[in-house]
Each structure stands twice: as C-alpha cells, then as structure tokens.
Amino acid sequence: MSTDRFDRHEYLHGTLDREDLDADPFAQFRKWYEDARTAGHLDPSAMSLATVSATGAPHARMVLLKSLDERGFIFCTHRTSVKGQDIAQNPNVAMVFYWPKIERQVRIEGVAQFLSAEENAEFYLSRPRGAQIAASLGHQSEPVADHETLERLYEEAVKRFEGKDVTPLETWGAYAVTPSAIEFWQGGENRLHDRFRYTCQKDGWQIDRLMP
C-alpha cells in the first residue's frame, strides 16, 4: 500500500509570551484580526465552524465572522440548514480561525444563540442586494439538480423583488457564540508552539499556557 506524504512547514514567524496578551480575550482577538488583515489574508473573517448532530455526528464548514460584541462571535445562516438544525439540538459549538501568513490560529468553544428578529433584519439589510436575493432562496444544504437550476431560481427571485426590498426569511439570521474558552496559538520552531487558553470564570478570565 502506497502512502502519500505531504510537505512540512517550519514555523519561524515569531513567539508569543504571557506579557504580550491582553487581559481581555476579545481585545486580544481584535488585535490579531487586524494583524491578519494587515498581513494581506484574503478573508481574515473566514472561520471553521463545528457543530454536532443529535446523533453525535460532527459537521464542520467555513463561515464568515460578521460581528463581535460583548455577547461573543456572530455569524449568519439559516436555522433550517444543517448547522442550524445541529445548534437547535445542541448549542455547543467550536470555531477556528487560521491565518497562515502570520502563523497564528484562534480556537473558540462556546454556546450559540439565535438573535432577535430586529437584529437579524439589520444584518440582512447590511448584505449586498445579490446576497440578500441568494439568501431569500432558502433550502440551504438541500439537493439541487444542477447549477442551471440554481441560476434559474436566482433569476426568478431577481424578477420577484424588482423595484422593491428583498423580504428576509424568518429562518435566516445571526447566531452569537458566547465563548467559554478561547485559545491563541502562535506557531513555533521545532513545533514548540506558544499556546494560551483563556477560560471564563465567575470573576473574569483565567489564562493558562498550554503544552504544544
């Protein structure tokens, strides 16, 4: 049996020390996000979102971070999608941001909660009109015959909303993930990575250095 072997990358970008960290993990995340954006990442808001079904099957996919506030990390989707159905049955989720140009990743574990209709309408209206129309199609993750069918459904929606606002679906909206733990990882030479985990406590955030 043949075995494929893949290229190995040595992490030499830098190190991370305890004194480098902000006491607030949200402030630390904002700093690293800006570093990733400045470094030229195509979309630093892209993150892997992992959910678990009622039967314990894991699902992971890339989504975009839309906002960050005191409630946590916010992304948008349909409640009827696979991730939406998973969250309805088990709101515990995990997210990972990976920024290879600066050899950093951020891992987040927390609980997802669907936001209010008023906030979801604001998120919907902030999207480009084309994205609003695409979201209005619904049926995310359901089978579709071919790309031509998808284009036809889109064009039908374009005509349906011609000259008027695109009506948001009640099933579409934003989830806020309130974190219980956030880990900041800086790749290190010889795999001696620097890892720090913030854990939410009653009196604030506890910060621990982790073994690589």
Protein backbone atom coordinates (compact mmCIF):
# COMPACT_ATOMS: atom_id res chain seq x y z
CA MET A 1 0.00 0.00 0.00
CA SER A 2 1.42 3.37 -1.01
CA THR A 3 1.35 6.26 1.45
CA ASP A 4 1.17 9.88 0.38
CA ARG A 5 3.44 12.21 2.29
CA PHE A 6 2.80 15.92 2.44
CA ASP A 7 5.07 18.93 2.73
CA ARG A 8 6.12 20.06 6.20
CA HIS A 9 6.31 23.74 7.11
CA GLU A 10 8.61 25.13 9.79
CA TYR A 11 7.06 27.95 11.83
CA LEU A 12 9.53 30.82 12.17
CA HIS A 13 7.35 33.92 12.26
CA GLY A 14 7.65 34.68 15.97
CA THR A 15 6.83 33.78 19.56
CA LEU A 16 4.06 34.61 22.00
CA ASP A 17 4.68 35.40 25.66
CA ARG A 18 2.27 35.92 28.54
CA GLU A 19 3.10 39.61 28.76
CA ASP A 20 2.08 40.01 25.10
CA LEU A 21 -1.53 39.12 25.92
CA ASP A 22 -4.37 41.46 26.76
CA ALA A 23 -6.36 40.51 29.86
CA ASP A 24 -9.50 40.64 27.68
CA PRO A 25 -9.58 37.87 25.03
CA PHE A 26 -11.92 39.92 22.83
CA ALA A 27 -9.37 42.75 22.75
CA GLN A 28 -6.64 40.20 22.00
CA PHE A 29 -8.71 38.74 19.17
CA ARG A 30 -9.32 42.17 17.64
CA LYS A 31 -5.58 42.84 17.69
CA TRP A 32 -4.75 39.55 15.98
CA TYR A 33 -7.56 40.01 13.48
CA GLU A 34 -6.15 43.39 12.49
CA ASP A 35 -2.67 41.83 12.19
CA ALA A 36 -4.12 39.18 9.85
CA ARG A 37 -5.92 41.79 7.78
CA THR A 38 -2.80 43.94 7.52
CA ALA A 39 -0.75 40.89 6.51
CA GLY A 40 -2.95 40.55 3.43
CA HIS A 41 -5.08 37.49 4.15
CA LEU A 42 -7.77 37.16 1.50
CA ASP A 43 -10.56 36.94 4.09
CA PRO A 44 -9.39 37.05 7.70
CA SER A 45 -13.01 36.73 8.88
CA ALA A 46 -13.25 33.17 7.50
CA MET A 47 -13.51 30.53 10.21
CA SER A 48 -14.27 26.85 10.55
CA LEU A 49 -17.50 26.24 12.48
CA ALA A 50 -18.04 22.80 14.02
CA THR A 51 -21.42 21.56 15.21
CA VAL A 52 -22.71 18.18 16.38
CA SER A 53 -25.97 16.50 15.37
CA ALA A 54 -28.46 14.87 17.71
CA THR A 55 -26.87 11.51 16.90
CA GLY A 56 -23.37 12.76 17.72
CA ALA A 57 -22.16 13.20 14.13
CA PRO A 58 -19.74 16.14 13.77
CA HIS A 59 -20.13 18.66 10.96
CA ALA A 60 -17.62 21.37 10.04
CA ARG A 61 -17.67 24.09 7.41
CA MET A 62 -16.22 27.54 6.69
CA VAL A 63 -18.36 30.57 7.53
CA LEU A 64 -17.66 34.29 7.91
CA LEU A 65 -17.50 36.24 11.14
CA LYS A 66 -19.96 39.13 10.84
CA SER A 67 -19.51 40.92 14.13
CA LEU A 68 -18.02 40.75 17.60
CA ASP A 69 -19.57 42.31 20.70
CA GLU A 70 -19.98 41.63 24.42
CA ARG A 71 -22.13 38.58 23.64
CA GLY A 72 -19.43 36.95 21.52
CA PHE A 73 -18.67 35.97 17.94
CA ILE A 74 -21.53 36.45 15.45
CA PHE A 75 -22.16 34.64 12.16
CA CYS A 76 -25.22 34.31 9.92
CA THR A 77 -27.01 31.32 8.42
CA HIS A 78 -30.40 29.63 8.03
CA ARG A 79 -31.91 27.92 11.05
CA THR A 80 -33.10 25.21 8.65
CA SER A 81 -29.56 24.46 7.43
CA VAL A 82 -27.57 21.52 8.79
CA LYS A 83 -25.68 23.79 11.19
CA GLY A 84 -28.90 25.47 12.27
CA GLN A 85 -30.55 22.13 12.95
CA ASP A 86 -27.48 20.93 14.85
CA ILE A 87 -27.45 24.06 17.03
CA ALA A 88 -31.16 23.70 17.77
CA GLN A 89 -30.44 20.29 19.29
CA ASN A 90 -27.02 21.04 20.75
CA PRO A 91 -25.98 24.71 21.02
CA ASN A 92 -22.36 23.87 21.91
CA VAL A 93 -20.09 24.78 19.00
CA ALA A 94 -16.40 25.25 18.22
CA MET A 95 -14.72 27.68 15.82
CA VAL A 96 -11.21 28.03 14.43
CA PHE A 97 -9.56 30.97 12.68
CA TYR A 98 -6.30 30.16 10.88
CA TRP A 99 -4.04 32.88 9.48
CA PRO A 100 -1.04 31.14 7.83
CA LYS A 101 0.76 34.32 6.77
CA ILE A 102 1.34 35.20 10.42
CA GLU A 103 1.35 31.56 11.60
CA ARG A 104 -1.48 32.02 14.07
CA GLN A 105 -4.76 30.38 14.90
CA VAL A 106 -7.55 31.09 17.38
CA ARG A 107 -9.78 28.34 18.76
CA ILE A 108 -13.13 29.19 20.36
CA GLU A 109 -15.57 26.98 22.27
CA GLY A 110 -18.95 28.25 23.38
CA VAL A 111 -22.72 28.26 23.14
CA ALA A 112 -24.63 29.62 20.12
CA GLN A 113 -27.86 31.59 20.43
CA PHE A 114 -30.11 32.88 17.62
CA LEU A 115 -30.54 36.66 17.76
CA SER A 116 -33.72 38.72 17.66
CA ALA A 117 -35.77 39.41 14.53
CA GLU A 118 -34.85 43.11 14.76
CA GLU A 119 -31.10 42.43 14.82
CA ASN A 120 -31.40 39.81 12.08
CA ALA A 121 -33.19 42.32 9.85
CA GLU A 122 -30.29 44.74 10.34
CA PHE A 123 -27.76 42.05 9.39
CA TYR A 124 -29.86 41.13 6.35
CA LEU A 125 -30.10 44.70 5.11
CA SER A 126 -26.34 45.19 5.53
CA ARG A 127 -25.69 42.47 2.92
CA PRO A 128 -25.25 43.33 -0.78
CA ARG A 129 -28.55 43.04 -2.65
CA GLY A 130 -27.32 40.00 -4.59
CA ALA A 131 -26.53 38.22 -1.33
CA GLN A 132 -29.95 39.17 0.04
CA ILE A 133 -31.60 37.60 -3.01
CA ALA A 134 -29.49 34.45 -2.69
CA ALA A 135 -30.43 34.14 1.00
CA SER A 136 -34.11 34.53 0.09
CA LEU A 137 -33.96 31.24 -1.84
CA GLY A 138 -33.63 29.28 1.41
CA HIS A 139 -33.32 25.47 1.32
CA GLN A 140 -29.63 25.68 2.30
CA SER A 141 -27.83 22.29 2.11
CA GLU A 142 -30.76 20.64 0.31
CA PRO A 143 -30.08 18.86 -3.02
CA VAL A 144 -30.41 20.86 -6.25
CA ALA A 145 -30.47 19.33 -9.75
CA ASP A 146 -27.67 21.41 -11.29
CA HIS A 147 -26.13 24.89 -11.45
CA GLU A 148 -28.57 25.93 -14.17
CA THR A 149 -31.46 25.25 -11.80
CA LEU A 150 -29.79 27.36 -9.14
CA GLU A 151 -29.32 30.23 -11.60
CA ARG A 152 -32.96 29.96 -12.70
CA LEU A 153 -34.19 30.17 -9.11
CA TYR A 154 -31.98 33.18 -8.54
CA GLU A 155 -33.23 34.98 -11.67
CA GLU A 156 -36.82 34.28 -10.68
CA ALA A 157 -36.14 35.89 -7.32
CA VAL A 158 -34.49 38.89 -9.00
CA LYS A 159 -37.68 39.47 -11.00
CA ARG A 160 -39.91 38.86 -7.98
CA PHE A 161 -38.17 41.58 -5.97
CA GLU A 162 -37.63 44.00 -8.85
CA GLY A 163 -38.25 47.55 -7.65
CA LYS A 164 -38.77 46.59 -4.01
CA ASP A 165 -36.90 45.46 -0.94
CA VAL A 166 -35.89 41.83 -0.60
CA THR A 167 -38.01 40.25 2.12
CA PRO A 168 -35.84 38.44 4.69
CA LEU A 169 -36.78 34.89 5.58
CA GLU A 170 -37.72 34.25 9.20
CA THR A 171 -35.37 31.27 9.15
CA TRP A 172 -32.33 33.39 8.22
CA GLY A 173 -30.40 35.28 10.84
CA ALA A 174 -27.43 35.61 13.13
CA TYR A 175 -26.08 33.45 15.92
CA ALA A 176 -23.92 34.83 18.72
CA VAL A 177 -21.43 32.36 20.16
CA THR A 178 -20.72 33.21 23.79
CA PRO A 179 -17.29 31.70 24.50
CA SER A 180 -16.37 29.58 27.48
CA ALA A 181 -12.79 29.18 26.25
CA ILE A 182 -10.58 30.94 23.69
CA GLU A 183 -7.11 29.72 22.73
CA PHE A 184 -4.45 31.77 20.94
CA TRP A 185 -1.79 29.75 19.10
CA GLN A 186 1.46 31.04 17.61
CA GLY A 187 3.41 28.55 15.53
CA GLY A 188 6.89 27.87 16.90
CA GLU A 189 10.18 26.49 15.61
CA ASN A 190 10.68 22.75 16.16
CA ARG A 191 6.94 22.54 16.91
CA LEU A 192 7.43 24.38 20.22
CA HIS A 193 4.21 26.32 19.62
CA ASP A 194 3.09 29.02 22.04
CA ARG A 195 -0.47 28.34 23.19
CA PHE A 196 -2.51 30.33 25.70
CA ARG A 197 -6.05 29.46 26.72
CA TYR A 198 -8.50 31.92 28.25
CA THR A 199 -11.14 30.15 30.35
CA CYS A 200 -14.22 32.03 31.51
CA GLN A 201 -14.54 32.13 35.31
CA LYS A 202 -17.07 33.85 37.58
CA ASP A 203 -14.57 36.61 38.35
CA GLY A 204 -13.11 37.01 34.87
CA TRP A 205 -10.81 35.16 32.51
CA GLN A 206 -8.13 32.70 33.62
CA ILE A 207 -5.12 32.48 31.30
CA ASP A 208 -3.02 29.31 31.08
CA ARG A 209 -0.07 28.43 28.89
CA LEU A 210 -0.55 25.02 27.26
CA MET A 211 1.94 22.45 26.11
CA PRO A 212 2.33 22.39 22.29
